[in-house]
């Protein structure tokens, strides 16, 4: 037995209309064509679907069973069609984000709060990119956007620039380096450097300063949470280099000093990597606009 969606719509229309004539009008077809369709369906099923001598036309027991199926299936099909229409119209979709940056949560959550208000039908999720290979996952369509400060040349992937930030040195006000106007690579030789638990090649301070200078700190201590890093810094148990937006409040507190790294300071750029075909989707484009403006507000606060 081969039942199509049009058969389920026919059963529902005849039940609601109470007759073939009105049902044919509802379905935009002739009464003759509708009768032929019903006859063919009954021949397939091997049972009568209607009690024909009744007025209005009533469904038989078999017809009522088919109507229950129509009432269950057709709303799901209609909802699916509406969802597909929303996706093709750019009103809905999926935005699963991977983050290769521990400190990015500080600015990402305000961005997502604004995004949610505008795009309530977009499924948003966040995965810490440092827990898996984020860019290969992007290429496999397991995630849709990767926050990273380390762009790569990958086919089919575009790194959309977001904003520039400064990696800033932070230490206890009692640290010997507190009296310096800026810090250099050599200053880290006698320090315990507090970092996030990622490979050194992906840390700004190693990539931009220490590795090129061939300097190794006295010790490196990996810490998962920004708040714990700052607590250890305040206790003079180490120094750190963090993005400027993270230090917007502590730089005014007496327990800390913040200094540029090198006399001119360091600058790094944050990117949002997407698949090439996704960057122009309306909701992705809106997310990128928000991600270019909201972090700058934090940097200026």
Protein backbone atom coordinates (compact mmCIF):
# COMPACT_ATOMS: atom_id res chain seq x y z
CA UNK A 1 0.00 0.00 0.00
CA UNK A 2 1.42 3.34 -1.08
CA UNK A 3 0.05 6.35 0.81
CA UNK A 4 1.11 9.84 -0.21
CA UNK A 5 0.73 13.14 1.63
CA UNK A 6 -1.99 14.14 -0.86
CA UNK A 7 -4.04 11.16 0.30
CA UNK A 8 -3.82 12.30 3.91
CA UNK A 9 -4.82 15.82 2.89
CA UNK A 10 -7.75 14.41 0.92
CA UNK A 11 -9.06 12.42 3.89
CA UNK A 12 -8.81 15.46 6.15
CA UNK A 13 -10.46 17.79 3.63
CA UNK A 14 -13.43 15.45 3.03
CA UNK A 15 -13.92 14.99 6.78
CA UNK A 16 -13.85 18.75 7.38
CA UNK A 17 -16.05 19.58 4.35
CA UNK A 18 -18.62 16.78 4.85
CA UNK A 19 -18.79 16.05 1.13
CA UNK A 20 -16.82 15.64 -2.08
CA UNK A 21 -17.92 18.85 -3.75
CA UNK A 22 -16.77 21.21 -0.99
CA UNK A 23 -13.62 19.15 -0.37
CA UNK A 24 -12.69 19.42 -4.06
CA UNK A 25 -12.94 23.21 -3.81
CA UNK A 26 -10.71 23.22 -0.72
CA UNK A 27 -8.11 21.12 -2.56
CA UNK A 28 -8.36 23.11 -5.82
CA UNK A 29 -9.34 20.10 -7.91
CA UNK A 30 -12.42 18.81 -9.69
CA UNK A 31 -14.94 16.60 -7.92
CA UNK A 32 -14.35 13.92 -10.56
CA UNK A 33 -10.60 13.91 -9.94
CA UNK A 34 -11.18 13.74 -6.19
CA UNK A 35 -13.57 10.80 -6.55
CA UNK A 36 -11.03 9.01 -8.74
CA UNK A 37 -8.31 9.59 -6.13
CA UNK A 38 -10.52 8.25 -3.31
CA UNK A 39 -11.45 5.18 -5.38
CA UNK A 40 -7.81 4.44 -6.12
CA UNK A 41 -6.89 4.81 -2.46
CA UNK A 42 -9.67 2.45 -1.37
CA UNK A 43 -8.58 -0.08 -3.97
CA UNK A 44 -5.04 0.05 -2.54
CA UNK A 45 -6.23 -0.27 1.05
CA UNK A 46 -8.76 -2.98 0.27
CA UNK A 47 -11.33 -1.29 2.52
CA UNK A 48 -13.94 1.45 2.20
CA UNK A 49 -12.86 4.73 3.79
CA UNK A 50 -16.30 6.38 3.72
CA UNK A 51 -19.90 5.51 4.60
CA UNK A 52 -21.31 6.66 1.27
CA UNK A 53 -25.04 6.67 2.03
CA UNK A 54 -24.66 9.08 4.92
CA UNK A 55 -25.18 12.83 4.70
CA UNK A 56 -22.93 14.56 5.40
CA UNK A 57 -20.39 12.06 4.11
CA UNK A 58 -18.84 10.22 7.05
CA UNK A 59 -15.58 8.37 7.44
CA UNK A 60 -15.71 4.63 8.05
CA UNK A 61 -13.75 3.06 10.90
CA UNK A 62 -10.81 2.57 8.50
CA UNK A 63 -11.20 6.16 7.32
CA UNK A 64 -11.10 7.43 10.92
CA UNK A 65 -7.86 5.49 11.44
CA UNK A 66 -6.38 7.19 8.40
CA UNK A 67 -7.63 10.57 9.64
CA UNK A 68 -5.80 10.09 12.94
CA UNK A 69 -2.62 9.47 10.96
CA UNK A 70 -3.27 12.61 8.90
CA UNK A 71 -3.83 14.65 12.07
CA UNK A 72 -0.51 13.44 13.43
CA UNK A 73 1.63 13.61 10.28
CA UNK A 74 0.40 16.69 8.41
CA UNK A 75 1.10 19.24 11.18
CA UNK A 76 4.67 17.95 11.38
CA UNK A 77 5.06 18.21 7.61
CA UNK A 78 3.61 21.73 7.64
CA UNK A 79 5.95 22.75 10.47
CA UNK A 80 8.91 21.27 8.60
CA UNK A 81 7.94 23.17 5.45
CA UNK A 82 7.70 26.39 7.44
CA UNK A 83 11.10 25.74 9.01
CA UNK A 84 12.65 25.15 5.58
CA UNK A 85 10.98 28.32 4.31
CA UNK A 86 12.46 30.25 7.25
CA UNK A 87 15.91 28.82 6.53
CA UNK A 88 15.80 29.67 2.83
CA UNK A 89 14.49 33.11 3.75
CA UNK A 90 17.38 33.62 6.16
CA UNK A 91 15.16 33.84 9.26
CA UNK A 92 16.23 30.56 10.88
CA UNK A 93 19.16 28.18 10.93
CA UNK A 94 21.97 26.93 13.14
CA UNK A 95 24.90 28.80 14.65
CA UNK A 96 27.08 26.40 16.63
CA UNK A 97 30.18 28.26 17.80
CA UNK A 98 33.58 26.90 18.80
CA UNK A 99 35.93 29.15 20.77
CA UNK A 100 39.71 28.93 20.66
CA UNK A 101 39.95 31.59 23.34
CA UNK A 102 39.29 31.17 27.07
CA UNK A 103 38.83 34.89 27.67
CA UNK A 104 36.40 35.42 24.78
CA UNK A 105 33.39 34.48 26.90
CA UNK A 106 33.59 37.96 28.45
CA UNK A 107 32.50 39.65 25.22
CA UNK A 108 30.75 36.74 23.52
CA UNK A 109 27.85 36.46 25.96
CA UNK A 110 26.75 40.11 25.51
CA UNK A 111 26.96 39.58 21.74
CA UNK A 112 24.82 36.43 21.93
CA UNK A 113 22.24 38.16 24.14
CA UNK A 114 21.70 40.82 21.50
CA UNK A 115 21.77 38.17 18.77
CA UNK A 116 19.09 36.11 20.54
CA UNK A 117 16.68 39.04 20.60
CA UNK A 118 16.96 39.48 16.84
CA UNK A 119 17.20 35.83 15.77
CA UNK A 120 15.11 33.78 18.17
CA UNK A 121 14.62 30.99 15.60
CA UNK A 122 18.34 30.34 15.17
CA UNK A 123 19.69 27.39 17.15
CA UNK A 124 22.76 28.68 19.03
CA UNK A 125 25.27 26.53 20.88
CA UNK A 126 28.83 27.06 22.17
CA UNK A 127 31.64 24.52 22.30
CA UNK A 128 35.06 25.28 23.79
CA UNK A 129 37.31 24.97 20.73
CA UNK A 130 40.36 24.20 22.86
CA UNK A 131 38.73 20.86 23.78
CA UNK A 132 38.85 19.58 20.17
CA UNK A 133 40.11 20.53 16.71
CA UNK A 134 37.75 23.41 15.95
CA UNK A 135 38.74 24.20 12.36
CA UNK A 136 38.51 20.60 11.10
CA UNK A 137 35.10 20.45 12.82
CA UNK A 138 34.10 23.60 10.92
CA UNK A 139 35.11 21.99 7.64
CA UNK A 140 33.09 18.88 8.53
CA UNK A 141 30.05 21.12 9.30
CA UNK A 142 29.99 19.98 12.93
CA UNK A 143 30.20 23.64 13.98
CA UNK A 144 29.37 26.78 12.01
CA UNK A 145 31.72 29.43 13.34
CA UNK A 146 35.09 29.41 15.12
CA UNK A 147 36.40 32.31 17.23
CA UNK A 148 40.17 32.40 16.81
CA UNK A 149 43.13 34.76 16.75
CA UNK A 150 45.19 32.37 14.63
CA UNK A 151 44.00 32.51 11.00
CA UNK A 152 44.99 29.73 8.64
CA UNK A 153 44.84 29.30 4.88
CA UNK A 154 42.15 26.64 4.45
CA UNK A 155 40.14 25.89 1.33
CA UNK A 156 36.48 26.81 1.74
CA UNK A 157 37.06 28.68 5.02
CA UNK A 158 37.07 32.46 5.37
CA UNK A 159 38.47 34.25 8.43
CA UNK A 160 36.26 37.29 8.98
CA UNK A 161 38.16 40.00 10.91
CA UNK A 162 36.39 41.17 14.06
CA UNK A 163 38.52 43.56 16.11
CA UNK A 164 42.06 44.26 17.27
CA UNK A 165 43.09 43.85 20.88
CA UNK A 166 46.22 44.33 22.97
CA UNK A 167 47.77 41.52 25.03
CA UNK A 168 48.55 43.33 28.31
CA UNK A 169 50.93 42.40 31.13
CA UNK A 170 49.36 42.17 34.59
CA UNK A 171 51.21 41.69 37.89
CA UNK A 172 50.82 42.27 41.59
CA UNK A 173 51.56 45.82 42.69
CA UNK A 174 54.26 44.21 44.90
CA UNK A 175 56.01 42.49 41.98
CA UNK A 176 59.48 43.89 41.13
CA UNK A 177 58.25 44.57 37.57
CA UNK A 178 55.52 46.89 38.85
CA UNK A 179 57.87 49.86 38.68
CA UNK A 180 58.61 49.46 34.97
CA UNK A 181 56.70 51.49 32.35
CA UNK A 182 56.56 48.42 30.07
CA UNK A 183 57.92 44.87 30.05
CA UNK A 184 60.24 43.09 27.65
CA UNK A 185 60.92 39.44 26.89
CA UNK A 186 63.90 39.32 29.29
CA UNK A 187 61.66 40.37 32.18
CA UNK A 188 59.90 37.01 32.09
CA UNK A 189 63.03 34.92 32.76
CA UNK A 190 62.63 35.25 36.53
CA UNK A 191 58.84 35.06 36.62
CA UNK A 192 56.19 32.37 36.95
CA UNK A 193 53.92 32.92 33.96
CA UNK A 194 50.24 32.10 34.47
CA UNK A 195 48.53 30.97 31.26
CA UNK A 196 45.42 29.21 30.05
CA UNK A 197 45.83 25.43 29.53
CA UNK A 198 46.55 25.51 25.78
CA UNK A 199 49.63 24.83 23.69
CA UNK A 200 52.24 27.59 23.99
CA UNK A 201 52.19 28.16 20.24
CA UNK A 202 48.60 29.39 20.60
CA UNK A 203 49.32 31.84 23.42
CA UNK A 204 49.88 35.46 22.38
CA UNK A 205 52.80 36.07 24.73
CA UNK A 206 54.77 33.09 23.40
CA UNK A 207 53.83 33.62 19.76
CA UNK A 208 54.51 37.38 19.64
CA UNK A 209 57.33 37.83 22.17
CA UNK A 210 58.93 34.94 24.03
CA UNK A 211 59.45 32.44 21.19
CA UNK A 212 60.97 35.03 18.81
CA UNK A 213 63.28 36.23 21.61
CA UNK A 214 64.22 32.70 22.69
CA UNK A 215 63.15 33.44 26.27
CA UNK A 216 61.73 30.80 28.61
CA UNK A 217 60.03 31.90 31.87
CA UNK A 218 61.26 30.45 35.15
CA UNK A 219 58.01 28.49 35.36
CA UNK A 220 54.71 28.24 33.50
CA UNK A 221 51.57 27.45 35.47
CA UNK A 222 48.41 26.62 33.55
CA UNK A 223 45.10 27.82 34.99
CA UNK A 224 41.64 27.16 33.55
CA UNK A 225 39.73 30.23 34.79
CA UNK A 226 40.49 33.90 34.28
CA UNK A 227 39.27 34.72 37.79
CA UNK A 228 41.76 32.26 39.29
CA UNK A 229 44.60 33.71 37.21
CA UNK A 230 43.81 37.17 38.55
CA UNK A 231 43.56 35.86 42.12
CA UNK A 232 47.03 34.30 41.83
CA UNK A 233 48.41 37.49 40.29
CA UNK A 234 47.02 39.57 43.15
CA UNK A 235 48.73 37.17 45.58
CA UNK A 236 52.03 37.73 43.71
CA UNK A 237 52.25 34.05 42.79
CA UNK A 238 52.85 34.80 39.15
CA UNK A 239 52.32 37.26 36.33
CA UNK A 240 50.17 36.96 33.24
CA UNK A 241 49.45 38.48 29.84
CA UNK A 242 45.74 38.78 29.08
CA UNK A 243 43.60 40.53 26.46
CA UNK A 244 42.85 44.17 27.23
CA UNK A 245 39.11 43.61 27.63
CA UNK A 246 39.76 41.17 30.50
CA UNK A 247 41.72 43.81 32.43
CA UNK A 248 39.28 46.69 32.00
CA UNK A 249 38.37 46.63 35.72
CA UNK A 250 41.45 45.27 37.51
CA UNK A 251 43.70 47.97 36.08
CA UNK A 252 42.03 50.42 38.48
CA UNK A 253 42.42 48.18 41.54
CA UNK A 254 45.37 48.79 43.91
CA UNK A 255 46.37 45.09 44.05
CA UNK A 256 47.30 45.07 40.35
CA UNK A 257 49.46 46.89 37.83
CA UNK A 258 48.98 46.59 34.08
CA UNK A 259 51.73 47.45 31.63
CA UNK A 260 52.23 47.32 27.84
CA UNK A 261 54.25 44.42 26.50
CA UNK A 262 57.21 46.17 24.80
CA UNK A 263 57.42 49.94 24.58
CA UNK A 264 54.97 50.12 21.67
CA UNK A 265 52.72 47.36 22.95
CA UNK A 266 51.51 44.26 21.15
CA UNK A 267 48.48 44.03 18.88
CA UNK A 268 46.55 40.93 17.81
CA UNK A 269 43.42 40.51 15.72
CA UNK A 270 40.40 38.36 16.54
CA UNK A 271 38.64 36.50 13.74
CA UNK A 272 35.45 34.53 13.21
CA UNK A 273 36.06 31.65 10.81
CA UNK A 274 33.09 30.46 8.76
CA UNK A 275 32.55 28.33 5.72
CA UNK A 276 32.72 30.57 2.66
CA UNK A 277 29.08 30.07 1.69
CA UNK A 278 27.81 30.86 5.21
CA UNK A 279 29.36 34.29 5.79
CA UNK A 280 26.61 36.08 3.84
CA UNK A 281 23.68 34.34 5.53
CA UNK A 282 21.63 37.14 7.14
CA UNK A 283 21.92 35.86 10.70
CA UNK A 284 25.64 35.06 10.36
CA UNK A 285 26.28 38.51 8.91
CA UNK A 286 24.38 40.06 11.85
CA UNK A 287 26.41 38.06 14.36
CA UNK A 288 29.62 39.27 12.71
CA UNK A 289 28.44 42.89 12.92
CA UNK A 290 27.69 42.52 16.62
CA UNK A 291 31.02 40.77 17.26
CA UNK A 292 32.85 43.70 15.65
CA UNK A 293 31.20 46.34 17.85
CA UNK A 294 30.39 44.92 21.30
CA UNK A 295 33.97 43.92 22.29
CA UNK A 296 35.17 47.44 21.45
CA UNK A 297 32.73 48.80 24.05
CA UNK A 298 34.39 46.59 26.66
CA UNK A 299 37.84 47.76 25.62
CA UNK A 300 36.79 51.38 26.08
CA UNK A 301 34.98 50.91 29.40
